[in-house]
N, C-alpha and C. Protein backbone atom coordinates (compact mmCIF):
# COMPACT_ATOMS: atom_id res chain seq x y z
N MET A 1 135.38 36.70 -119.85
CA MET A 1 134.98 36.77 -118.46
C MET A 1 136.13 37.36 -117.63
N ALA A 2 135.79 38.20 -116.70
CA ALA A 2 136.80 38.86 -115.88
C ALA A 2 137.43 37.88 -114.90
N GLN A 3 138.72 38.04 -114.68
CA GLN A 3 139.44 37.21 -113.71
C GLN A 3 139.12 37.74 -112.32
N ARG A 4 138.57 36.92 -111.45
CA ARG A 4 138.10 37.39 -110.15
C ARG A 4 139.17 37.31 -109.07
N ILE A 5 140.19 36.49 -109.28
CA ILE A 5 141.29 36.39 -108.33
C ILE A 5 142.54 36.90 -109.00
N ARG A 6 143.30 37.72 -108.30
CA ARG A 6 144.49 38.34 -108.87
C ARG A 6 145.73 37.92 -108.08
N THR A 7 146.88 38.19 -108.67
CA THR A 7 148.15 37.93 -108.00
C THR A 7 148.26 38.81 -106.76
N GLY A 8 148.66 38.22 -105.65
CA GLY A 8 148.80 38.96 -104.40
C GLY A 8 147.61 38.84 -103.48
N ASP A 9 146.49 38.31 -103.95
CA ASP A 9 145.31 38.12 -103.11
C ASP A 9 145.54 36.99 -102.11
N ILE A 10 144.87 37.08 -100.96
CA ILE A 10 144.86 35.99 -99.99
C ILE A 10 143.62 35.15 -100.28
N VAL A 11 143.82 33.84 -100.50
CA VAL A 11 142.72 32.96 -100.85
C VAL A 11 142.65 31.79 -99.87
N LYS A 12 141.48 31.16 -99.82
CA LYS A 12 141.26 29.99 -98.98
C LYS A 12 140.80 28.85 -99.89
N ILE A 13 141.34 27.66 -99.67
CA ILE A 13 140.95 26.50 -100.47
C ILE A 13 139.68 25.92 -99.86
N ILE A 14 138.64 25.77 -100.69
CA ILE A 14 137.33 25.37 -100.18
C ILE A 14 136.97 23.92 -100.47
N SER A 15 137.83 23.20 -101.21
CA SER A 15 137.57 21.78 -101.44
C SER A 15 138.86 21.05 -101.71
N GLY A 16 138.82 19.74 -101.55
CA GLY A 16 140.00 18.92 -101.80
C GLY A 16 140.75 18.57 -100.53
N SER A 17 141.90 17.95 -100.69
CA SER A 17 142.67 17.49 -99.54
C SER A 17 143.28 18.63 -98.73
N GLN A 18 143.47 19.79 -99.33
CA GLN A 18 144.04 20.97 -98.65
C GLN A 18 142.96 21.93 -98.15
N LYS A 19 141.71 21.44 -98.02
CA LYS A 19 140.58 22.28 -97.65
C LYS A 19 140.84 23.04 -96.35
N GLY A 20 140.55 24.34 -96.35
CA GLY A 20 140.72 25.17 -95.18
C GLY A 20 142.04 25.91 -95.13
N THR A 21 142.97 25.57 -96.01
CA THR A 21 144.28 26.21 -96.03
C THR A 21 144.18 27.58 -96.71
N THR A 22 144.86 28.56 -96.13
CA THR A 22 144.90 29.88 -96.76
C THR A 22 146.32 30.17 -97.20
N GLY A 23 146.44 31.00 -98.23
CA GLY A 23 147.75 31.38 -98.73
C GLY A 23 147.64 32.52 -99.72
N LYS A 24 148.77 33.06 -100.08
CA LYS A 24 148.85 34.18 -101.01
C LYS A 24 149.03 33.64 -102.43
N VAL A 25 148.35 34.25 -103.40
CA VAL A 25 148.47 33.85 -104.80
C VAL A 25 149.78 34.41 -105.35
N LEU A 26 150.65 33.51 -105.81
CA LEU A 26 151.94 33.90 -106.36
C LEU A 26 151.86 34.21 -107.84
N ALA A 27 151.09 33.40 -108.58
CA ALA A 27 150.96 33.58 -110.02
C ALA A 27 149.67 32.92 -110.50
N LEU A 28 149.19 33.36 -111.64
CA LEU A 28 148.00 32.79 -112.25
C LEU A 28 148.36 32.17 -113.59
N SER A 29 147.67 31.09 -113.93
CA SER A 29 147.85 30.46 -115.22
C SER A 29 146.48 30.06 -115.74
N ALA A 30 146.44 29.48 -116.92
CA ALA A 30 145.17 29.05 -117.50
C ALA A 30 144.56 27.91 -116.69
N GLN A 31 145.39 27.07 -116.07
CA GLN A 31 144.90 25.93 -115.31
C GLN A 31 144.47 26.31 -113.90
N GLY A 32 145.06 27.33 -113.32
CA GLY A 32 144.73 27.69 -111.96
C GLY A 32 145.68 28.72 -111.40
N ALA A 33 145.85 28.67 -110.08
CA ALA A 33 146.69 29.64 -109.39
C ALA A 33 147.74 28.92 -108.56
N LEU A 34 148.93 29.52 -108.51
CA LEU A 34 149.98 29.00 -107.63
C LEU A 34 149.80 29.68 -106.29
N VAL A 35 149.48 28.88 -105.26
CA VAL A 35 149.23 29.41 -103.93
C VAL A 35 150.42 29.07 -103.04
N GLU A 36 150.86 30.06 -102.29
CA GLU A 36 152.04 29.91 -101.45
C GLU A 36 151.84 28.81 -100.41
N GLY A 37 152.73 27.82 -100.40
CA GLY A 37 152.69 26.73 -99.43
C GLY A 37 151.71 25.62 -99.75
N VAL A 38 151.02 25.71 -100.87
CA VAL A 38 150.03 24.69 -101.24
C VAL A 38 150.39 24.17 -102.62
N GLY A 39 150.22 22.88 -102.84
CA GLY A 39 150.47 22.31 -104.16
C GLY A 39 151.92 22.04 -104.45
N LEU A 40 152.68 21.66 -103.43
CA LEU A 40 154.07 21.31 -103.66
C LEU A 40 154.14 19.86 -104.10
N GLY A 41 154.91 19.58 -105.14
CA GLY A 41 155.04 18.23 -105.67
C GLY A 41 156.46 17.92 -106.04
N HIS A 42 156.66 16.73 -106.57
CA HIS A 42 157.99 16.29 -106.98
C HIS A 42 157.96 15.90 -108.45
N ARG A 43 159.05 16.16 -109.11
CA ARG A 43 159.22 15.74 -110.50
C ARG A 43 160.48 14.91 -110.54
N HIS A 44 160.41 13.73 -111.15
CA HIS A 44 161.58 12.88 -111.27
C HIS A 44 162.39 13.33 -112.48
N VAL A 45 163.69 13.49 -112.28
CA VAL A 45 164.58 14.00 -113.32
C VAL A 45 165.53 12.89 -113.73
N LYS A 46 165.60 12.65 -115.06
CA LYS A 46 166.53 11.65 -115.57
C LYS A 46 167.97 12.14 -115.45
N PRO A 47 168.91 11.22 -115.27
CA PRO A 47 170.31 11.64 -115.26
C PRO A 47 170.72 12.22 -116.61
N SER A 48 171.54 13.26 -116.56
CA SER A 48 172.05 13.90 -117.78
C SER A 48 173.48 14.34 -117.51
N GLN A 49 174.10 14.97 -118.50
CA GLN A 49 175.47 15.44 -118.29
C GLN A 49 175.51 16.57 -117.25
N LEU A 50 174.50 17.41 -117.26
CA LEU A 50 174.45 18.50 -116.29
C LEU A 50 174.11 18.00 -114.89
N ASN A 51 173.29 16.95 -114.82
CA ASN A 51 172.86 16.38 -113.55
C ASN A 51 173.07 14.86 -113.62
N PRO A 52 174.29 14.37 -113.41
CA PRO A 52 174.58 12.96 -113.63
C PRO A 52 173.85 12.01 -112.69
N ARG A 53 173.45 12.47 -111.50
CA ARG A 53 172.78 11.57 -110.56
C ARG A 53 171.27 11.51 -110.79
N GLY A 54 170.70 12.52 -111.42
CA GLY A 54 169.25 12.55 -111.57
C GLY A 54 168.62 12.86 -110.22
N GLY A 55 167.44 12.32 -109.98
CA GLY A 55 166.82 12.48 -108.67
C GLY A 55 165.46 13.14 -108.76
N LYS A 56 165.07 13.79 -107.67
CA LYS A 56 163.78 14.46 -107.58
C LYS A 56 163.96 15.97 -107.54
N LYS A 57 163.01 16.66 -108.15
CA LYS A 57 163.03 18.12 -108.18
C LYS A 57 161.70 18.59 -107.61
N ASP A 58 161.73 19.52 -106.67
CA ASP A 58 160.50 20.06 -106.10
C ASP A 58 159.89 21.06 -107.06
N ILE A 59 158.57 20.94 -107.30
CA ILE A 59 157.87 21.85 -108.20
C ILE A 59 156.62 22.39 -107.50
N HIS A 60 156.07 23.44 -108.04
CA HIS A 60 154.84 24.05 -107.54
C HIS A 60 153.72 23.68 -108.50
N VAL A 61 152.64 23.08 -108.01
CA VAL A 61 151.52 22.65 -108.84
C VAL A 61 150.36 23.63 -108.64
N ALA A 62 149.72 24.02 -109.74
CA ALA A 62 148.63 24.99 -109.66
C ALA A 62 147.38 24.38 -109.03
N VAL A 63 146.63 25.21 -108.30
CA VAL A 63 145.35 24.83 -107.72
C VAL A 63 144.27 25.41 -108.62
N SER A 64 143.28 24.60 -108.97
CA SER A 64 142.22 25.05 -109.85
C SER A 64 141.46 26.23 -109.24
N LEU A 65 141.06 27.18 -110.08
CA LEU A 65 140.42 28.40 -109.60
C LEU A 65 139.06 28.14 -108.94
N HIS A 66 138.36 27.08 -109.35
CA HIS A 66 137.06 26.83 -108.74
C HIS A 66 137.16 26.30 -107.32
N LYS A 67 138.36 25.95 -106.87
CA LYS A 67 138.58 25.49 -105.51
C LYS A 67 139.00 26.62 -104.57
N LEU A 68 139.07 27.84 -105.08
CA LEU A 68 139.56 28.98 -104.30
C LEU A 68 138.45 29.98 -104.01
N ALA A 69 138.51 30.57 -102.81
CA ALA A 69 137.62 31.66 -102.44
C ALA A 69 138.46 32.80 -101.90
N LEU A 70 138.11 34.01 -102.24
CA LEU A 70 138.85 35.19 -101.81
C LEU A 70 138.59 35.47 -100.33
N VAL A 71 139.66 35.67 -99.56
CA VAL A 71 139.53 36.02 -98.14
C VAL A 71 139.43 37.54 -98.05
N VAL A 72 138.32 38.02 -97.47
CA VAL A 72 138.11 39.46 -97.38
C VAL A 72 138.43 39.99 -95.99
N ASP A 73 138.43 39.13 -94.97
CA ASP A 73 138.79 39.52 -93.61
C ASP A 73 139.82 38.52 -93.10
N GLU A 74 141.07 38.95 -93.02
CA GLU A 74 142.16 38.03 -92.67
C GLU A 74 142.10 37.58 -91.21
N LYS A 75 141.57 38.39 -90.32
CA LYS A 75 141.52 38.03 -88.90
C LYS A 75 140.55 36.87 -88.66
N THR A 76 139.37 36.93 -89.28
CA THR A 76 138.37 35.87 -89.09
C THR A 76 138.38 34.86 -90.22
N SER A 77 139.19 35.07 -91.24
CA SER A 77 139.31 34.19 -92.41
C SER A 77 137.97 34.06 -93.15
N LYS A 78 137.19 35.15 -93.16
CA LYS A 78 135.90 35.16 -93.86
C LYS A 78 136.11 35.31 -95.36
N THR A 79 135.40 34.49 -96.13
CA THR A 79 135.53 34.51 -97.58
C THR A 79 134.30 35.14 -98.21
N SER A 80 134.45 35.48 -99.49
CA SER A 80 133.35 36.10 -100.21
C SER A 80 133.49 35.82 -101.70
N ARG A 81 132.35 35.82 -102.37
CA ARG A 81 132.38 35.81 -103.82
C ARG A 81 132.75 37.20 -104.30
N VAL A 82 133.25 37.29 -105.52
CA VAL A 82 133.72 38.56 -106.05
C VAL A 82 132.83 38.99 -107.20
N GLY A 83 132.47 40.25 -107.21
CA GLY A 83 131.69 40.80 -108.30
C GLY A 83 132.33 42.09 -108.79
N TYR A 84 131.76 42.67 -109.80
CA TYR A 84 132.26 43.93 -110.36
C TYR A 84 131.13 44.93 -110.43
N VAL A 85 131.44 46.19 -110.16
CA VAL A 85 130.48 47.28 -110.33
C VAL A 85 131.16 48.37 -111.13
N HIS A 86 130.39 49.07 -111.92
CA HIS A 86 130.91 50.19 -112.70
C HIS A 86 130.78 51.47 -111.89
N LYS A 87 131.86 52.22 -111.81
CA LYS A 87 131.87 53.47 -111.07
C LYS A 87 131.30 54.59 -111.92
N VAL A 88 130.99 55.70 -111.27
CA VAL A 88 130.44 56.86 -111.96
C VAL A 88 131.47 57.46 -112.91
N ASP A 89 132.75 57.40 -112.55
CA ASP A 89 133.79 57.98 -113.40
C ASP A 89 134.16 57.09 -114.58
N GLY A 90 133.49 55.96 -114.74
CA GLY A 90 133.73 55.09 -115.88
C GLY A 90 134.63 53.90 -115.58
N GLY A 91 135.20 53.84 -114.38
CA GLY A 91 136.06 52.72 -114.00
C GLY A 91 135.27 51.51 -113.53
N LYS A 92 135.99 50.46 -113.25
CA LYS A 92 135.37 49.23 -112.79
C LYS A 92 136.07 48.81 -111.50
N ALA A 93 135.31 48.35 -110.50
CA ALA A 93 135.89 47.98 -109.22
C ALA A 93 135.42 46.60 -108.81
N ARG A 94 136.34 45.85 -108.14
CA ARG A 94 135.97 44.55 -107.58
C ARG A 94 135.28 44.78 -106.24
N VAL A 95 134.22 44.03 -105.97
CA VAL A 95 133.48 44.16 -104.72
C VAL A 95 133.25 42.78 -104.12
N ALA A 96 133.14 42.74 -102.78
CA ALA A 96 132.84 41.51 -102.05
C ALA A 96 131.34 41.40 -101.89
N ARG A 97 130.74 40.36 -102.43
CA ARG A 97 129.28 40.22 -102.40
C ARG A 97 128.76 39.94 -100.99
N GLN A 98 129.50 39.19 -100.17
CA GLN A 98 129.01 38.87 -98.83
C GLN A 98 129.10 40.06 -97.88
N LEU A 99 129.84 41.08 -98.24
CA LEU A 99 129.96 42.27 -97.39
C LEU A 99 129.18 43.44 -97.98
N LYS A 100 128.07 43.15 -98.62
CA LYS A 100 127.17 44.16 -99.19
C LYS A 100 127.91 45.07 -100.16
N ASN A 101 128.62 44.47 -101.11
CA ASN A 101 129.31 45.17 -102.19
C ASN A 101 130.38 46.14 -101.69
N LYS A 102 131.12 45.72 -100.66
CA LYS A 102 132.25 46.51 -100.18
C LYS A 102 133.39 46.37 -101.17
N GLU A 103 134.02 47.50 -101.52
CA GLU A 103 135.08 47.49 -102.52
C GLU A 103 136.34 46.79 -101.99
N ILE A 104 136.96 45.98 -102.88
CA ILE A 104 138.19 45.26 -102.56
C ILE A 104 139.31 46.01 -103.24
N LYS A 105 140.40 46.20 -102.54
CA LYS A 105 141.59 46.90 -103.08
C LYS A 105 141.67 46.70 -104.53
């Protein structure tokens, strides 16, 4: 199945405690996407020789892909589902379904 959200896209979270938040996709993984400013967490670190005090470390937690919608108009924050169409020259392009198959960068 084709990946519908790519690195660098602006996405909006459509469910969960961060619902309504928009951000840029920093990276993709099998579990989800790292969204800028969303999903910040803490990891407790045991004391070691390199870090004798231990403490907390800030980490970035992935947001599941089914909770994300692609933002196609940044001014109005309008979202759309993503589809694919085959071009005449043999290529494939991403399109926004809510905007009558308008091509997305």
